[in-house]
Amino acid sequence: MGDEEVTAASPSCFYCSQSPTPGTSGGSSLPVNPKQKKKKKKKKKKKKKKKKKKKKKKKKKKKKKKKKKKKKKKKKKKLPGSCNHVAHYPC
C-alpha cells in the first residue's frame, strides 16, 4: 500500500510535495526549474505571435513584388538588344 502511494504521487505531485518543505538540498533546486520553464514559455509565446504576424505581412508583400519583377525581367531577357527577331537567338 505504501509503495503504491509513493509511485502514484511522485509524478503527479512531485513539485507540490517539495515546494512547501524547506528541508533537503534538492528542495531548493526544484522550485527554480519550474519558474524558469514558466518564464521561457511565456516569452516564447509572445515572440511567436509577433513574428508570425510580421512574417505573414512581409511574405504577402514580397510575393506580390517578386511576381511583378519576374515578369519584367523575362521581357527584358527576351530582347537581346537591337533586334528581337527569333532568328537572331543563338540556340
PDB file of N, CA and C in Angstrom:
ATOM      1  N   MET A   1       0.834  -1.203   0.000  1.00  0.00           N
ATOM      2  CA  MET A   1       0.000   0.000   0.000  1.00  0.00           C
ATOM      3  C   MET A   1       0.873   1.258   0.000  1.00  0.00           C
ATOM      4  N   GLY A   2       1.934   1.242   0.861  1.00  0.00           N
ATOM      5  CA  GLY A   2       2.781   2.430   0.959  1.00  0.00           C
ATOM      6  C   GLY A   2       3.561   2.681  -0.328  1.00  0.00           C
ATOM      7  N   ASP A   3       4.040   1.605  -0.965  1.00  0.00           N
ATOM      8  CA  ASP A   3       4.806   1.764  -2.192  1.00  0.00           C
ATOM      9  C   ASP A   3       3.941   2.308  -3.325  1.00  0.00           C
ATOM     10  N   GLU A   4       2.701   1.851  -3.383  1.00  0.00           N
ATOM     11  CA  GLU A   4       1.799   2.291  -4.455  1.00  0.00           C
ATOM     12  C   GLU A   4       1.520   3.791  -4.340  1.00  0.00           C
ATOM     13  N   GLU A   5       1.353   4.281  -3.104  1.00  0.00           N
ATOM     14  CA  GLU A   5       1.054   5.701  -2.921  1.00  0.00           C
ATOM     15  C   GLU A   5       2.237   6.563  -3.357  1.00  0.00           C
ATOM     16  N   VAL A   6       3.443   6.114  -3.059  1.00  0.00           N
ATOM     17  CA  VAL A   6       4.622   6.893  -3.412  1.00  0.00           C
ATOM     18  C   VAL A   6       4.775   6.965  -4.927  1.00  0.00           C
ATOM     19  N   THR A   7       4.578   5.857  -5.619  1.00  0.00           N
ATOM     20  CA  THR A   7       4.757   5.837  -7.069  1.00  0.00           C
ATOM     21  C   THR A   7       3.679   6.663  -7.756  1.00  0.00           C
ATOM     22  N   ALA A   8       2.463   6.667  -7.187  1.00  0.00           N
ATOM     23  CA  ALA A   8       1.364   7.399  -7.816  1.00  0.00           C
ATOM     24  C   ALA A   8       1.499   8.899  -7.549  1.00  0.00           C
ATOM     25  N   ALA A   9       2.061   9.279  -6.385  1.00  0.00           N
ATOM     26  CA  ALA A   9       2.137  10.692  -6.030  1.00  0.00           C
ATOM     27  C   ALA A   9       3.394  11.356  -6.591  1.00  0.00           C
ATOM     28  N   SER A  10       4.457  10.596  -6.832  1.00  0.00           N
ATOM     29  CA  SER A  10       5.718  11.212  -7.260  1.00  0.00           C
ATOM     30  C   SER A  10       5.626  11.907  -8.628  1.00  0.00           C
ATOM     31  N   PRO A  11       5.022  11.321  -9.660  1.00  0.00           N
ATOM     32  CA  PRO A  11       4.979  12.022 -10.945  1.00  0.00           C
ATOM     33  C   PRO A  11       3.964  13.158 -10.985  1.00  0.00           C
ATOM     34  N   SER A  12       2.816  12.979 -10.301  1.00  0.00           N
ATOM     35  CA  SER A  12       1.749  13.982 -10.389  1.00  0.00           C
ATOM     36  C   SER A  12       1.982  15.132  -9.410  1.00  0.00           C
ATOM     37  N   CYS A  13       2.393  14.849  -8.186  1.00  0.00           N
ATOM     38  CA  CYS A  13       2.512  15.877  -7.155  1.00  0.00           C
ATOM     39  C   CYS A  13       3.965  15.991  -6.673  1.00  0.00           C
ATOM     40  N   PHE A  14       4.912  15.855  -7.560  1.00  0.00           N
ATOM     41  CA  PHE A  14       6.322  15.879  -7.159  1.00  0.00           C
ATOM     42  C   PHE A  14       6.732  17.288  -6.725  1.00  0.00           C
ATOM     43  N   TYR A  15       6.378  18.308  -7.526  1.00  0.00           N
ATOM     44  CA  TYR A  15       6.740  19.688  -7.195  1.00  0.00           C
ATOM     45  C   TYR A  15       5.950  20.203  -5.990  1.00  0.00           C
ATOM     46  N   CYS A  16       4.669  19.819  -5.917  1.00  0.00           N
ATOM     47  CA  CYS A  16       3.829  20.283  -4.808  1.00  0.00           C
ATOM     48  C   CYS A  16       4.352  19.752  -3.476  1.00  0.00           C
ATOM     49  N   SER A  17       4.838  18.520  -3.452  1.00  0.00           N
ATOM     50  CA  SER A  17       5.312  17.933  -2.208  1.00  0.00           C
ATOM     51  C   SER A  17       6.671  18.515  -1.805  1.00  0.00           C
ATOM     52  N   GLN A  18       7.448  18.998  -2.766  1.00  0.00           N
ATOM     53  CA  GLN A  18       8.786  19.517  -2.460  1.00  0.00           C
ATOM     54  C   GLN A  18       8.766  21.017  -2.158  1.00  0.00           C
ATOM     55  N   SER A  19       7.873  21.775  -2.775  1.00  0.00           N
ATOM     56  CA  SER A  19       7.884  23.230  -2.603  1.00  0.00           C
ATOM     57  C   SER A  19       7.572  23.681  -1.173  1.00  0.00           C
ATOM     58  N   PRO A  20       6.573  23.114  -0.465  1.00  0.00           N
ATOM     59  CA  PRO A  20       6.301  23.569   0.904  1.00  0.00           C
ATOM     60  C   PRO A  20       7.373  23.157   1.898  1.00  0.00           C
ATOM     61  N   THR A  21       8.147  22.095   1.586  1.00  0.00           N
ATOM     62  CA  THR A  21       9.173  21.620   2.523  1.00  0.00           C
ATOM     63  C   THR A  21      10.484  22.338   2.255  1.00  0.00           C
ATOM     64  N   PRO A  22      10.979  23.145   3.235  1.00  0.00           N
ATOM     65  CA  PRO A  22      12.231  23.865   3.047  1.00  0.00           C
ATOM     66  C   PRO A  22      13.455  22.983   3.259  1.00  0.00           C
ATOM     67  N   GLY A  23      13.273  21.763   3.779  1.00  0.00           N
ATOM     68  CA  GLY A  23      14.397  20.875   4.089  1.00  0.00           C
ATOM     69  C   GLY A  23      14.989  20.241   2.844  1.00  0.00           C
ATOM     70  N   THR A  24      16.133  19.588   2.985  1.00  0.00           N
ATOM     71  CA  THR A  24      16.880  18.890   1.926  1.00  0.00           C
ATOM     72  C   THR A  24      17.470  19.876   0.913  1.00  0.00           C
ATOM     73  N   SER A  25      18.620  19.533   0.364  1.00  0.00           N
ATOM     74  CA  SER A  25      19.299  20.413  -0.592  1.00  0.00           C
ATOM     75  C   SER A  25      18.608  20.364  -1.954  1.00  0.00           C
ATOM     76  N   GLY A  26      17.984  19.232  -2.271  1.00  0.00           N
ATOM     77  CA  GLY A  26      17.309  19.092  -3.565  1.00  0.00           C
ATOM     78  C   GLY A  26      16.052  19.940  -3.640  1.00  0.00           C
ATOM     79  N   GLY A  27      15.445  20.248  -2.498  1.00  0.00           N
ATOM     80  CA  GLY A  27      14.208  21.039  -2.493  1.00  0.00           C
ATOM     81  C   GLY A  27      14.428  22.454  -2.995  1.00  0.00           C
ATOM     82  N   SER A  28      15.608  23.019  -2.791  1.00  0.00           N
ATOM     83  CA  SER A  28      15.858  24.394  -3.216  1.00  0.00           C
ATOM     84  C   SER A  28      16.024  24.478  -4.731  1.00  0.00           C
ATOM     85  N   SER A  29      16.550  23.442  -5.359  1.00  0.00           N
ATOM     86  CA  SER A  29      16.776  23.478  -6.803  1.00  0.00           C
ATOM     87  C   SER A  29      15.494  23.170  -7.580  1.00  0.00           C
ATOM     88  N   LEU A  30      14.568  22.440  -6.975  1.00  0.00           N
ATOM     89  CA  LEU A  30      13.328  22.080  -7.678  1.00  0.00           C
ATOM     90  C   LEU A  30      12.458  23.294  -8.011  1.00  0.00           C
ATOM     91  N   PRO A  31      12.163  24.210  -7.075  1.00  0.00           N
ATOM     92  CA  PRO A  31      11.291  25.341  -7.415  1.00  0.00           C
ATOM     93  C   PRO A  31      11.916  26.291  -8.429  1.00  0.00           C
ATOM     94  N   VAL A  32      13.229  26.270  -8.583  1.00  0.00           N
ATOM     95  CA  VAL A  32      13.885  27.149  -9.555  1.00  0.00           C
ATOM     96  C   VAL A  32      13.587  26.680 -10.974  1.00  0.00           C
ATOM     97  N   ASN A  33      13.576  25.372 -11.198  1.00  0.00           N
ATOM     98  CA  ASN A  33      13.331  24.850 -12.541  1.00  0.00           C
ATOM     99  C   ASN A  33      11.939  25.197 -13.084  1.00  0.00           C
ATOM    100  N   PRO A  34      10.864  24.972 -12.353  1.00  0.00           N
ATOM    101  CA  PRO A  34       9.538  25.317 -12.885  1.00  0.00           C
ATOM    102  C   PRO A  34       9.374  26.804 -13.132  1.00  0.00           C
ATOM    103  N   LYS A  35      10.002  27.636 -12.317  1.00  0.00           N
ATOM    104  CA  LYS A  35       9.916  29.085 -12.532  1.00  0.00           C
ATOM    105  C   LYS A  35      10.581  29.456 -13.846  1.00  0.00           C
ATOM    106  N   GLN A  36      11.751  28.909 -14.114  1.00  0.00           N
ATOM    107  CA  GLN A  36      12.454  29.212 -15.358  1.00  0.00           C
ATOM    108  C   GLN A  36      11.666  28.721 -16.557  1.00  0.00           C
ATOM    109  N   LYS A  37      11.092  27.532 -16.448  1.00  0.00           N
ATOM    110  CA  LYS A  37      10.318  26.978 -17.555  1.00  0.00           C
ATOM    111  C   LYS A  37       9.105  27.852 -17.845  1.00  0.00           C
ATOM    112  N   LYS A  38       8.407  28.304 -16.810  1.00  0.00           N
ATOM    113  CA  LYS A  38       7.225  29.137 -16.995  1.00  0.00           C
ATOM    114  C   LYS A  38       7.600  30.445 -17.679  1.00  0.00           C
ATOM    115  N   LYS A  39       8.675  31.086 -17.270  1.00  0.00           N
ATOM    116  CA  LYS A  39       9.094  32.346 -17.878  1.00  0.00           C
ATOM    117  C   LYS A  39       9.452  32.146 -19.343  1.00  0.00           C
ATOM    118  N   LYS A  40      10.183  31.101 -19.648  1.00  0.00           N
ATOM    119  CA  LYS A  40      10.576  30.837 -21.032  1.00  0.00           C
ATOM    120  C   LYS A  40       9.347  30.602 -21.912  1.00  0.00           C
ATOM    121  N   LYS A  41       8.386  29.856 -21.398  1.00  0.00           N
ATOM    122  CA  LYS A  41       7.177  29.564 -22.170  1.00  0.00           C
ATOM    123  C   LYS A  41       6.428  30.851 -22.486  1.00  0.00           C
ATOM    124  N   LYS A  42       6.292  31.729 -21.504  1.00  0.00           N
ATOM    125  CA  LYS A  42       5.569  32.984 -21.720  1.00  0.00           C
ATOM    126  C   LYS A  42       6.287  33.839 -22.766  1.00  0.00           C
ATOM    127  N   LYS A  43       7.593  33.961 -22.672  1.00  0.00           N
ATOM    128  CA  LYS A  43       8.350  34.768 -23.613  1.00  0.00           C
ATOM    129  C   LYS A  43       8.256  34.190 -25.024  1.00  0.00           C
ATOM    130  N   LYS A  44       8.360  32.889 -25.143  1.00  0.00           N
ATOM    131  CA  LYS A  44       8.300  32.243 -26.452  1.00  0.00           C
ATOM    132  C   LYS A  44       6.944  32.490 -27.111  1.00  0.00           C
ATOM    133  N   LYS A  45       5.873  32.392 -26.332  1.00  0.00           N
ATOM    134  CA  LYS A  45       4.532  32.587 -26.880  1.00  0.00           C
ATOM    135  C   LYS A  45       4.392  34.013 -27.416  1.00  0.00           C
ATOM    136  N   LYS A  46       4.857  34.998 -26.673  1.00  0.00           N
ATOM    137  CA  LYS A  46       4.750  36.387 -27.113  1.00  0.00           C
ATOM    138  C   LYS A  46       5.568  36.614 -28.381  1.00  0.00           C
ATOM    139  N   LYS A  47       6.800  36.120 -28.416  1.00  0.00           N
ATOM    140  CA  LYS A  47       7.657  36.314 -29.579  1.00  0.00           C
ATOM    141  C   LYS A  47       7.078  35.626 -30.812  1.00  0.00           C
ATOM    142  N   LYS A  48       6.542  34.432 -30.632  1.00  0.00           N
ATOM    143  CA  LYS A  48       5.986  33.690 -31.757  1.00  0.00           C
ATOM    144  C   LYS A  48       4.816  34.450 -32.366  1.00  0.00           C
ATOM    145  N   LYS A  49       3.949  34.986 -31.534  1.00  0.00           N
ATOM    146  CA  LYS A  49       2.792  35.716 -32.046  1.00  0.00           C
ATOM    147  C   LYS A  49       3.246  36.933 -32.851  1.00  0.00           C
ATOM    148  N   LYS A  50       4.190  37.688 -32.345  1.00  0.00           N
ATOM    149  CA  LYS A  50       4.666  38.880 -33.045  1.00  0.00           C
ATOM    150  C   LYS A  50       5.359  38.502 -34.344  1.00  0.00           C
ATOM    151  N   LYS A  51       6.206  37.489 -34.312  1.00  0.00           N
ATOM    152  CA  LYS A  51       6.935  37.076 -35.507  1.00  0.00           C
ATOM    153  C   LYS A  51       5.984  36.572 -36.585  1.00  0.00           C
ATOM    154  N   LYS A  52       4.989  35.796 -36.197  1.00  0.00           N
ATOM    155  CA  LYS A  52       4.044  35.245 -37.165  1.00  0.00           C
ATOM    156  C   LYS A  52       3.308  36.374 -37.890  1.00  0.00           C
ATOM    157  N   LYS A  53       2.865  37.388 -37.155  1.00  0.00           N
ATOM    158  CA  LYS A  53       2.144  38.490 -37.772  1.00  0.00           C
ATOM    159  C   LYS A  53       3.049  39.244 -38.749  1.00  0.00           C
ATOM    160  N   LYS A  54       4.254  39.535 -38.342  1.00  0.00           N
ATOM    161  CA  LYS A  54       5.172  40.275 -39.202  1.00  0.00           C
ATOM    162  C   LYS A  54       5.557  39.460 -40.435  1.00  0.00           C
ATOM    163  N   LYS A  55       5.847  38.185 -40.236  1.00  0.00           N
ATOM    164  CA  LYS A  55       6.255  37.329 -41.353  1.00  0.00           C
ATOM    165  C   LYS A  55       5.136  37.208 -42.375  1.00  0.00           C
ATOM    166  N   LYS A  56       3.913  37.043 -41.927  1.00  0.00           N
ATOM    167  CA  LYS A  56       2.789  36.896 -42.847  1.00  0.00           C
ATOM    168  C   LYS A  56       2.638  38.155 -43.700  1.00  0.00           C
ATOM    169  N   LYS A  57       2.726  39.316 -43.090  1.00  0.00           N
ATOM    170  CA  LYS A  57       2.586  40.562 -43.832  1.00  0.00           C
ATOM    171  C   LYS A  57       3.729  40.732 -44.825  1.00  0.00           C
ATOM    172  N   LYS A  58       4.955  40.484 -44.389  1.00  0.00           N
ATOM    173  CA  LYS A  58       6.113  40.640 -45.255  1.00  0.00           C
ATOM    174  C   LYS A  58       6.069  39.648 -46.411  1.00  0.00           C
ATOM    175  N   LYS A  59       5.715  38.409 -46.134  1.00  0.00           N
ATOM    176  CA  LYS A  59       5.673  37.389 -47.182  1.00  0.00           C
ATOM    177  C   LYS A  59       4.668  37.763 -48.260  1.00  0.00           C
ATOM    178  N   LYS A  60       3.505  38.238 -47.869  1.00  0.00           N
ATOM    179  CA  LYS A  60       2.481  38.603 -48.843  1.00  0.00           C
ATOM    180  C   LYS A  60       2.983  39.744 -49.729  1.00  0.00           C
ATOM    181  N   LYS A  61       3.595  40.745 -49.133  1.00  0.00           N
ATOM    182  CA  LYS A  61       4.103  41.879 -49.900  1.00  0.00           C
ATOM    183  C   LYS A  61       5.242  41.437 -50.825  1.00  0.00           C
ATOM    184  N   LYS A  62       6.150  40.640 -50.315  1.00  0.00           N
ATOM    185  CA  LYS A  62       7.288  40.192 -51.115  1.00  0.00           C
ATOM    186  C   LYS A  62       6.832  39.346 -52.295  1.00  0.00           C
ATOM    187  N   LYS A  63       5.870  38.471 -52.084  1.00  0.00           N
ATOM    188  CA  LYS A  63       5.392  37.616 -53.159  1.00  0.00           C
ATOM    189  C   LYS A  63       4.810  38.454 -54.293  1.00  0.00           C
ATOM    190  N   LYS A  64       4.052  39.473 -53.963  1.00  0.00           N
ATOM    191  CA  LYS A  64       3.455  40.318 -54.987  1.00  0.00           C
ATOM    192  C   LYS A  64       4.545  41.051 -55.771  1.00  0.00           C
ATOM    193  N   LYS A  65       5.520  41.593 -55.074  1.00  0.00           N
ATOM    194  CA  LYS A  65       6.596  42.326 -55.731  1.00  0.00           C
ATOM    195  C   LYS A  65       7.437  41.393 -56.603  1.00  0.00           C
ATOM    196  N   LYS A  66       7.741  40.209 -56.097  1.00  0.00           N
ATOM    197  CA  LYS A  66       8.555  39.263 -56.849  1.00  0.00           C
ATOM    198  C   LYS A  66       7.870  38.860 -58.148  1.00  0.00           C
ATOM    199  N   LYS A  67       6.576  38.647 -58.113  1.00  0.00           N
ATOM    200  CA  LYS A  67       5.847  38.253 -59.317  1.00  0.00           C
ATOM    201  C   LYS A  67       5.945  39.353 -60.377  1.00  0.00           C
ATOM    202  N   LYS A  68       5.795  40.595 -59.961  1.00  0.00           N
ATOM    203  CA  LYS A  68       5.884  41.702 -60.908  1.00  0.00           C
ATOM    204  C   LYS A  68       7.297  41.816 -61.477  1.00  0.00           C
ATOM    205  N   LYS A  69       8.292  41.690 -60.626  1.00  0.00           N
ATOM    206  CA  LYS A  69       9.676  41.806 -61.077  1.00  0.00           C
ATOM    207  C   LYS A  69      10.031  40.676 -62.037  1.00  0.00           C
ATOM    208  N   LYS A  70       9.590  39.482 -61.753  1.00  0.00           N
ATOM    209  CA  LYS A  70       9.891  38.341 -62.618  1.00  0.00           C
ATOM    210  C   LYS A  70       9.322  38.563 -64.017  1.00  0.00           C
ATOM    211  N   LYS A  71       8.124  39.083 -64.102  1.00  0.00           N
ATOM    212  CA  LYS A  71       7.508  39.323 -65.408  1.00  0.00           C
ATOM    213  C   LYS A  71       8.323  40.350 -66.191  1.00  0.00           C
ATOM    214  N   LYS A  72       8.757  41.405 -65.516  1.00  0.00           N
ATOM    215  CA  LYS A  72       9.546  42.436 -66.183  1.00  0.00           C
ATOM    216  C   LYS A  72      10.896  41.878 -66.636  1.00  0.00           C
ATOM    217  N   LYS A  73      11.543  41.094 -65.786  1.00  0.00           N
ATOM    218  CA  LYS A  73      12.845  40.531 -66.126  1.00  0.00           C
ATOM    219  C   LYS A  73      12.734  39.605 -67.326  1.00  0.00           C
ATOM    220  N   LYS A  74      11.694  38.813 -67.396  1.00  0.00           N
ATOM    221  CA  LYS A  74      11.518  37.893 -68.517  1.00  0.00           C
ATOM    222  C   LYS A  74      11.388  38.663 -69.826  1.00  0.00           C
ATOM    223  N   LYS A  75      10.675  39.762 -69.805  1.00  0.00           N
ATOM    224  CA  LYS A  75      10.503  40.559 -71.014  1.00  0.00           C
ATOM    225  C   LYS A  75      11.847  41.147 -71.454  1.00  0.00           C
ATOM    226  N   LYS A  76      12.641  41.611 -70.476  1.00  0.00           N
ATOM    227  CA  LYS A  76      13.941  42.194 -70.805  1.00  0.00           C
ATOM    228  C   LYS A  76      14.889  41.140 -71.372  1.00  0.00           C
ATOM    229  N   LYS A  77      14.851  39.940 -70.830  1.00  0.00           N
ATOM    230  CA  LYS A  77      15.735  38.876 -71.306  1.00  0.00           C
ATOM    231  C   LYS A  77      15.393  38.483 -72.741  1.00  0.00           C
ATOM    232  N   LYS A  78      14.139  38.540 -73.118  1.00  0.00           N
ATOM    233  CA  LYS A  78      13.737  38.175 -74.478  1.00  0.00           C
ATOM    234  C   LYS A  78      14.314  39.151 -75.501  1.00  0.00           C
ATOM    235  N   LEU A  79      14.528  40.409 -75.092  1.00  0.00           N
ATOM    236  CA  LEU A  79      15.104  41.389 -76.020  1.00  0.00           C
ATOM    237  C   LEU A  79      16.629  41.321 -75.943  1.00  0.00           C
ATOM    238  N   PRO A  80      17.314  40.832 -76.972  1.00  0.00           N
ATOM    239  CA  PRO A  80      18.775  40.751 -76.949  1.00  0.00           C
ATOM    240  C   PRO A  80      19.436  42.117 -77.050  1.00  0.00           C
ATOM    241  N   GLY A  81      18.780  43.123 -77.562  1.00  0.00           N
ATOM    242  CA  GLY A  81      19.382  44.454 -77.663  1.00  0.00           C
ATOM    243  C   GLY A  81      18.710  45.262 -78.759  1.00  0.00           C
ATOM    244  N   SER A  82      19.184  45.127 -79.990  1.00  0.00           N
ATOM    245  CA  SER A  82      18.648  45.933 -81.086  1.00  0.00           C
ATOM    246  C   SER A  82      17.512  45.202 -81.800  1.00  0.00           C
ATOM    247  N   CYS A  83      17.638  43.895 -81.943  1.00  0.00           N
ATOM    248  CA  CYS A  83      16.651  43.129 -82.697  1.00  0.00           C
ATOM    249  C   CYS A  83      16.023  42.053 -81.807  1.00  0.00           C
ATOM    250  N   ASN A  84      14.699  41.928 -81.853  1.00  0.00           N
ATOM    251  CA  ASN A  84      14.026  40.920 -81.047  1.00  0.00           C
ATOM    252  C   ASN A  84      13.516  39.776 -81.926  1.00  0.00           C
ATOM    253  N   HIS A  85      14.126  39.588 -83.095  1.00  0.00           N
ATOM    254  CA  HIS A  85      13.707  38.552 -84.033  1.00  0.00           C
ATOM    255  C   HIS A  85      14.154  37.184 -83.525  1.00  0.00           C
ATOM    256  N   VAL A  86      13.342  36.148 -83.699  1.00  0.00           N
ATOM    257  CA  VAL A  86      13.648  34.812 -83.198  1.00  0.00           C
ATOM    258  C   VAL A  86      14.863  34.227 -83.916  1.00  0.00           C
ATOM    259  N   ALA A  87      15.089  34.599 -85.146  1.00  0.00           N
ATOM    260  CA  ALA A  87      16.193  34.041 -85.934  1.00  0.00           C
ATOM    261  C   ALA A  87      17.549  34.482 -85.390  1.00  0.00           C
ATOM    262  N   HIS A  88      17.622  35.605 -84.677  1.00  0.00           N
ATOM    263  CA  HIS A  88      18.893  36.105 -84.145  1.00  0.00           C
ATOM    264  C   HIS A  88      19.297  35.439 -82.838  1.00  0.00           C
ATOM    265  N   TYR A  89      18.396  34.643 -82.243  1.00  0.00           N
ATOM    266  CA  TYR A  89      18.716  33.989 -80.962  1.00  0.00           C
ATOM    267  C   TYR A  89      19.710  32.848 -81.182  1.00  0.00           C
ATOM    268  N   PRO A  90      20.847  32.825 -80.447  1.00  0.00           N
ATOM    269  CA  PRO A  90      21.816  31.716 -80.575  1.00  0.00           C
ATOM    270  C   PRO A  90      21.313  30.478 -79.832  1.00  0.00           C
ATOM    271  N   CYS A  91      21.041  29.434 -80.550  1.00  0.00           N
ATOM    272  CA  CYS A  91      20.463  28.240 -79.937  1.00  0.00           C
ATOM    273  C   CYS A  91      21.504  27.487 -79.122  1.00  0.00           C
TER     274      CYS A  91
END
